[in-house]
Amino acid sequence: MYMNGIIIINKPSGYTSQDVISKVKKIMNVKKVGHTGTLDPMATGVLPVLLGNATKLSKYLIEHDKTYVSTIKLGEKRDTGDSEGSIIEKKDADIDFNSVESVLNTFLGVQKQTPPIYSAIKVKGKKLYEYARANEQVVIPEREIEIYDIKLKSIDNKNHEIIFEVNCSKGTYIRVLSENISEKLGTVGYMKELRRTKVNKFDIENSITLEELEQNINNELFIKNNIITMEKVFENYDKIIIGDKKKELFLNGVMLTFDKKDGIYNIYSEKKGYIGTGIVKNKLLKRDVII
């Protein structure tokens, strides 16, 4: 009943990304299930879930840009940078809210960011949060990120909260960005809430909840309408059509000569239709992801 493809889950708060994978695997009775990048347990929103052979697409999807909506609570700093941590500093949050938009704009562009100590990034073979829990000091290397767009959505003067939307590159920590914004506003703050609304072309508007998936598991039309096929994922790539004889060779891993420029192609059989993707390099086509 179920095809290879991608289903967009609106991850609930309190679930790890792996929790979602396990749940989808159980509901859909699919052996191979994966995702394209984790969301913190407290975060909600877009989590593309890969089904069947589409798990092999992860290498193409993991580098995608992302869009988030974040709520910053001003006046308190927490050790984890989010609402799950302990308060380590308090500061006056009576800021000039008229300056928020101009402060946000200073974060546009390419910049260096230091990942938070409470993260799974490895330094010298050990995850950063392991250093934090052991109260050990470690030098955290900066990484280059890019903020493509950032805009203010709302301000809550009474509760000292601001909500902003940001479109950014892979590897951007919104917890760190929220702390840095707070500092530029002359106070401290932490990321109170986080919602991922987009991962490349995968939008929150096209997502479904785990409850909706479970309730409609026997509704073939619902499942079909909510699975993005591999062909759809690569719809903007050029195609190569191969005959039956070449198809068998291609599927068996034999490289075929094609006068095409280097790159990824959608591969179609003359009789069977879409097969999957292939990669051309130096005029040679080899199989990549097969449905």
Protein backbone atom coordinates (compact mmCIF):
# COMPACT_ATOMS: atom_id res chain seq x y z
CA MET A 1 0.00 0.00 0.00
CA TYR A 2 2.74 2.45 0.93
CA MET A 3 5.20 3.89 -1.53
CA ASN A 4 8.71 5.20 -1.10
CA GLY A 5 8.66 8.90 -0.39
CA ILE A 6 8.50 11.66 2.18
CA ILE A 7 5.76 12.50 4.63
CA ILE A 8 5.84 15.83 6.48
CA ILE A 9 5.09 15.44 10.17
CA ASN A 10 4.21 18.39 12.39
CA LYS A 11 6.31 17.30 15.36
CA PRO A 12 4.70 17.88 18.76
CA SER A 13 6.57 19.32 21.72
CA GLY A 14 8.04 16.73 24.06
CA TYR A 15 8.90 14.27 21.29
CA THR A 16 12.43 13.66 20.10
CA SER A 17 12.88 13.28 16.35
CA GLN A 18 13.63 9.62 16.96
CA ASP A 19 10.35 9.28 18.88
CA VAL A 20 8.55 10.49 15.75
CA ILE A 21 10.44 8.02 13.56
CA SER A 22 9.55 5.13 15.87
CA LYS A 23 5.89 6.20 15.92
CA VAL A 24 5.65 6.50 12.13
CA LYS A 25 7.39 3.15 11.68
CA LYS A 26 4.83 1.50 13.96
CA ILE A 27 1.77 3.24 12.49
CA MET A 28 2.71 2.66 8.85
CA ASN A 29 4.40 -0.72 9.33
CA VAL A 30 7.43 0.43 7.33
CA LYS A 31 10.83 -1.09 8.04
CA LYS A 32 13.04 1.74 6.79
CA VAL A 33 12.22 5.21 8.16
CA GLY A 34 14.51 8.20 8.64
CA HIS A 35 14.58 11.99 8.86
CA THR A 36 16.62 14.88 7.44
CA GLY A 37 17.78 16.57 10.65
CA THR A 38 16.74 16.60 14.28
CA LEU A 39 14.50 19.01 16.13
CA ASP A 40 14.99 19.55 19.86
CA PRO A 41 12.33 17.81 22.00
CA MET A 42 10.78 21.14 23.04
CA ALA A 43 10.55 22.35 19.42
CA THR A 44 7.57 21.78 17.17
CA GLY A 45 6.92 21.87 13.45
CA VAL A 46 8.21 20.52 10.17
CA LEU A 47 10.01 17.18 10.33
CA PRO A 48 10.37 15.53 6.90
CA VAL A 49 10.16 11.76 7.44
CA LEU A 50 11.70 9.51 4.80
CA LEU A 51 10.00 6.20 3.98
CA GLY A 52 11.45 3.09 2.35
CA ASN A 53 14.11 3.71 -0.27
CA ALA A 54 13.60 7.45 0.16
CA THR A 55 15.77 7.18 3.28
CA LYS A 56 18.66 7.29 0.79
CA LEU A 57 17.60 10.85 -0.11
CA SER A 58 18.85 12.14 3.24
CA LYS A 59 22.22 13.07 1.71
CA TYR A 60 20.45 15.54 -0.59
CA LEU A 61 18.01 16.99 1.93
CA ILE A 62 20.09 17.42 5.08
CA GLU A 63 21.84 20.56 3.80
CA HIS A 64 18.62 22.48 3.17
CA ASP A 65 17.83 25.94 4.51
CA LYS A 66 15.20 26.24 7.22
CA THR A 67 12.64 28.73 8.54
CA TYR A 68 11.73 29.08 12.22
CA VAL A 69 9.43 31.15 14.41
CA SER A 70 10.99 31.73 17.83
CA THR A 71 9.76 33.33 21.05
CA ILE A 72 12.41 35.03 23.19
CA LYS A 73 11.77 35.55 26.91
CA LEU A 74 13.80 38.60 27.94
CA GLY A 75 15.25 39.25 31.38
CA GLU A 76 16.36 35.68 32.15
CA LYS A 77 19.34 33.65 30.96
CA ARG A 78 19.24 29.84 31.19
CA ASP A 79 22.14 27.40 31.06
CA THR A 80 20.67 25.46 28.12
CA GLY A 81 19.53 28.55 26.22
CA ASP A 82 15.92 27.35 26.24
CA SER A 83 13.00 26.90 28.62
CA GLU A 84 14.24 23.49 29.82
CA GLY A 85 17.30 24.91 31.55
CA SER A 86 17.96 26.49 34.92
CA ILE A 87 18.05 30.26 35.41
CA ILE A 88 21.67 31.44 35.73
CA GLU A 89 21.18 35.20 35.37
CA LYS A 90 18.49 37.84 35.61
CA LYS A 91 18.62 41.33 34.18
CA ASP A 92 16.33 44.31 33.67
CA ALA A 93 14.18 43.70 30.59
CA ASP A 94 12.76 47.21 30.25
CA ILE A 95 14.20 47.73 26.80
CA ASP A 96 13.37 50.12 24.00
CA PHE A 97 11.06 47.93 21.96
CA ASN A 98 11.21 50.42 19.09
CA SER A 99 14.77 49.25 18.49
CA VAL A 100 13.92 45.55 18.11
CA GLU A 101 13.54 45.58 14.33
CA SER A 102 16.81 47.43 13.78
CA VAL A 103 18.61 44.99 16.13
CA LEU A 104 17.20 42.00 14.25
CA ASN A 105 18.47 43.42 10.96
CA THR A 106 22.04 43.46 12.27
CA PHE A 107 22.01 39.66 12.15
CA LEU A 108 21.42 39.44 8.40
CA GLY A 109 24.14 37.83 6.31
CA VAL A 110 27.07 35.47 6.74
CA GLN A 111 28.52 35.32 10.25
CA LYS A 112 30.24 33.12 12.82
CA GLN A 113 28.25 31.40 15.54
CA THR A 114 29.43 29.39 18.54
CA PRO A 115 27.22 26.33 19.09
CA PRO A 116 25.69 25.93 22.57
CA ILE A 117 27.38 23.72 25.14
CA TYR A 118 24.13 21.79 25.46
CA SER A 119 24.25 20.27 21.98
CA ALA A 120 25.20 16.97 20.38
CA ILE A 121 28.13 18.37 18.38
CA LYS A 122 31.28 16.35 19.01
CA VAL A 123 34.58 17.94 20.06
CA LYS A 124 37.53 15.59 20.50
CA GLY A 125 35.21 12.61 20.16
CA LYS A 126 32.86 13.71 22.91
CA LYS A 127 29.44 15.39 22.67
CA LEU A 128 29.31 18.93 24.02
CA TYR A 129 26.46 18.20 26.42
CA GLU A 130 28.63 15.49 27.99
CA TYR A 131 31.22 18.15 28.85
CA ALA A 132 28.44 20.33 30.25
CA ARG A 133 27.03 17.56 32.45
CA ALA A 134 30.51 16.70 33.74
CA ASN A 135 31.18 20.41 34.38
CA GLU A 136 34.28 20.20 32.18
CA GLN A 137 35.69 23.12 30.18
CA VAL A 138 36.02 22.77 26.41
CA VAL A 139 36.84 25.16 23.57
CA ILE A 140 33.89 25.19 21.18
CA PRO A 141 34.90 25.99 17.59
CA GLU A 142 32.85 28.60 15.75
CA ARG A 143 31.00 27.69 12.58
CA GLU A 144 29.87 29.80 9.66
CA ILE A 145 26.13 30.33 9.25
CA GLU A 146 23.97 32.64 7.18
CA ILE A 147 20.77 34.50 8.04
CA TYR A 148 18.87 35.11 4.80
CA ASP A 149 15.89 36.90 6.31
CA ILE A 150 14.76 37.88 9.80
CA LYS A 151 11.70 39.83 10.80
CA LEU A 152 9.76 40.80 13.90
CA LYS A 153 6.32 39.22 14.22
CA SER A 154 5.07 40.54 17.56
CA ILE A 155 6.03 42.13 20.90
CA ASP A 156 4.53 41.40 24.31
CA ASN A 157 5.60 44.33 26.51
CA LYS A 158 3.85 42.97 29.60
CA ASN A 159 5.61 39.59 29.58
CA HIS A 160 8.86 40.89 28.03
CA GLU A 161 8.63 38.57 25.03
CA ILE A 162 9.31 39.05 21.35
CA ILE A 163 8.49 36.69 18.49
CA PHE A 164 10.56 36.70 15.32
CA GLU A 165 10.78 34.65 12.13
CA VAL A 166 14.11 33.67 10.62
CA ASN A 167 15.16 31.95 7.41
CA CYS A 168 18.67 30.56 7.84
CA SER A 169 21.27 28.06 6.71
CA LYS A 170 21.77 24.56 8.01
CA GLY A 171 23.62 24.47 11.34
CA THR A 172 22.14 27.69 12.73
CA TYR A 173 21.26 27.42 16.42
CA ILE A 174 18.19 29.54 17.18
CA ARG A 175 18.93 29.23 20.91
CA VAL A 176 22.23 31.03 20.37
CA LEU A 177 20.65 33.54 18.00
CA SER A 178 17.97 34.31 20.61
CA GLU A 179 20.62 34.90 23.29
CA ASN A 180 22.63 37.12 20.96
CA ILE A 181 19.56 39.18 20.07
CA SER A 182 18.82 39.63 23.77
CA GLU A 183 22.37 40.84 24.42
CA LYS A 184 22.17 43.39 21.60
CA LEU A 185 18.95 44.65 23.18
CA GLY A 186 20.92 45.31 26.36
CA THR A 187 19.56 42.46 28.45
CA VAL A 188 19.60 38.65 28.61
CA GLY A 189 17.09 36.15 27.29
CA TYR A 190 16.40 32.59 26.24
CA MET A 191 14.44 30.77 23.56
CA LYS A 192 11.07 30.09 25.18
CA GLU A 193 9.42 28.41 22.18
CA LEU A 194 10.53 27.25 18.75
CA ARG A 195 8.51 26.22 15.73
CA ARG A 196 10.07 25.10 12.45
CA THR A 197 7.79 26.17 9.63
CA LYS A 198 9.81 25.20 6.58
CA VAL A 199 12.66 22.94 5.45
CA ASN A 200 13.49 23.94 1.88
CA LYS A 201 10.25 23.25 -0.07
CA PHE A 202 8.64 21.29 2.78
CA ASP A 203 6.15 23.65 4.42
CA ILE A 204 4.15 23.46 7.65
CA GLU A 205 1.00 23.95 5.54
CA ASN A 206 1.58 20.53 3.99
CA SER A 207 2.29 18.73 7.24
CA ILE A 208 0.12 16.32 9.22
CA THR A 209 0.15 15.36 12.87
CA LEU A 210 0.92 11.89 14.19
CA GLU A 211 -2.72 11.70 15.34
CA GLU A 212 -3.97 12.46 11.82
CA LEU A 213 -1.67 9.81 10.39
CA GLU A 214 -2.88 7.21 12.87
CA GLN A 215 -6.55 8.05 12.35
CA ASN A 216 -6.24 7.82 8.55
CA ILE A 217 -3.86 4.90 8.24
CA ASN A 218 -6.46 2.84 6.33
CA ASN A 219 -7.48 5.75 4.12
CA GLU A 220 -5.43 5.08 0.97
CA LEU A 221 -6.33 8.43 -0.62
CA PHE A 222 -5.21 10.34 2.50
CA ILE A 223 -1.91 8.45 2.61
CA LYS A 224 -1.31 8.91 -1.11
CA ASN A 225 -2.08 12.63 -0.94
CA ASN A 226 0.33 13.15 1.94
CA ILE A 227 3.31 11.24 0.63
CA ILE A 228 5.70 13.24 -1.55
CA THR A 229 7.16 10.87 -4.12
CA MET A 230 10.84 10.77 -5.00
CA GLU A 231 9.88 11.87 -8.52
CA LYS A 232 8.24 14.98 -7.04
CA VAL A 233 11.27 15.77 -4.89
CA PHE A 234 13.49 15.85 -7.98
CA GLU A 235 10.91 17.36 -10.36
CA ASN A 236 13.20 20.26 -11.31
CA TYR A 237 15.99 17.97 -12.50
CA ASP A 238 16.43 16.91 -16.13
CA LYS A 239 15.41 13.41 -17.17
CA ILE A 240 17.04 10.53 -18.99
CA ILE A 241 14.90 7.85 -20.65
CA ILE A 242 16.47 4.42 -21.10
CA GLY A 243 15.34 1.29 -22.95
CA ASP A 244 14.70 -2.09 -21.36
CA LYS A 245 18.15 -3.52 -22.07
CA LYS A 246 19.94 -0.49 -20.66
CA LYS A 247 17.51 -0.42 -17.75
CA GLU A 248 18.60 -3.87 -16.58
CA LEU A 249 22.25 -2.91 -16.87
CA PHE A 250 21.59 0.35 -15.02
CA LEU A 251 19.73 -1.41 -12.19
CA ASN A 252 22.58 -3.91 -11.87
CA GLY A 253 25.05 -1.09 -11.29
CA VAL A 254 26.62 -0.98 -14.74
CA MET A 255 27.68 2.54 -15.75
CA LEU A 256 26.20 3.69 -19.06
CA THR A 257 27.60 6.21 -21.51
CA PHE A 258 25.44 9.33 -21.95
CA ASP A 259 26.45 12.61 -23.53
CA LYS A 260 25.10 14.69 -20.65
CA LYS A 261 26.65 17.27 -18.36
CA ASP A 262 27.61 16.20 -14.85
CA GLY A 263 24.76 16.16 -12.33
CA ILE A 264 21.72 14.35 -10.94
CA TYR A 265 19.02 13.12 -13.33
CA ASN A 266 15.58 11.57 -13.08
CA ILE A 267 15.74 8.17 -14.76
CA TYR A 268 12.75 6.81 -16.66
CA SER A 269 12.20 3.48 -18.36
CA GLU A 270 10.50 3.53 -21.76
CA LYS A 271 7.90 1.03 -20.51
CA LYS A 272 7.97 1.16 -16.70
CA GLY A 273 8.10 4.91 -16.13
CA TYR A 274 10.02 6.46 -13.25
CA ILE A 275 12.88 4.35 -11.89
CA GLY A 276 14.74 6.73 -9.58
CA THR A 277 17.79 8.96 -9.83
CA GLY A 278 21.13 8.58 -11.51
CA ILE A 279 24.33 10.59 -11.49
CA VAL A 280 26.27 11.54 -14.60
CA LYS A 281 29.99 12.17 -14.21
CA ASN A 282 32.43 12.38 -17.11
CA LYS A 283 29.69 11.20 -19.53
CA LEU A 284 29.03 8.07 -17.46
CA LEU A 285 25.65 7.45 -15.80
CA LYS A 286 25.49 5.36 -12.64
CA ARG A 287 22.52 4.42 -10.46
CA ASP A 288 21.83 6.46 -7.35
CA VAL A 289 18.50 6.14 -5.53
CA ILE A 290 16.11 3.55 -6.94
CA ILE A 291 12.42 3.37 -5.95
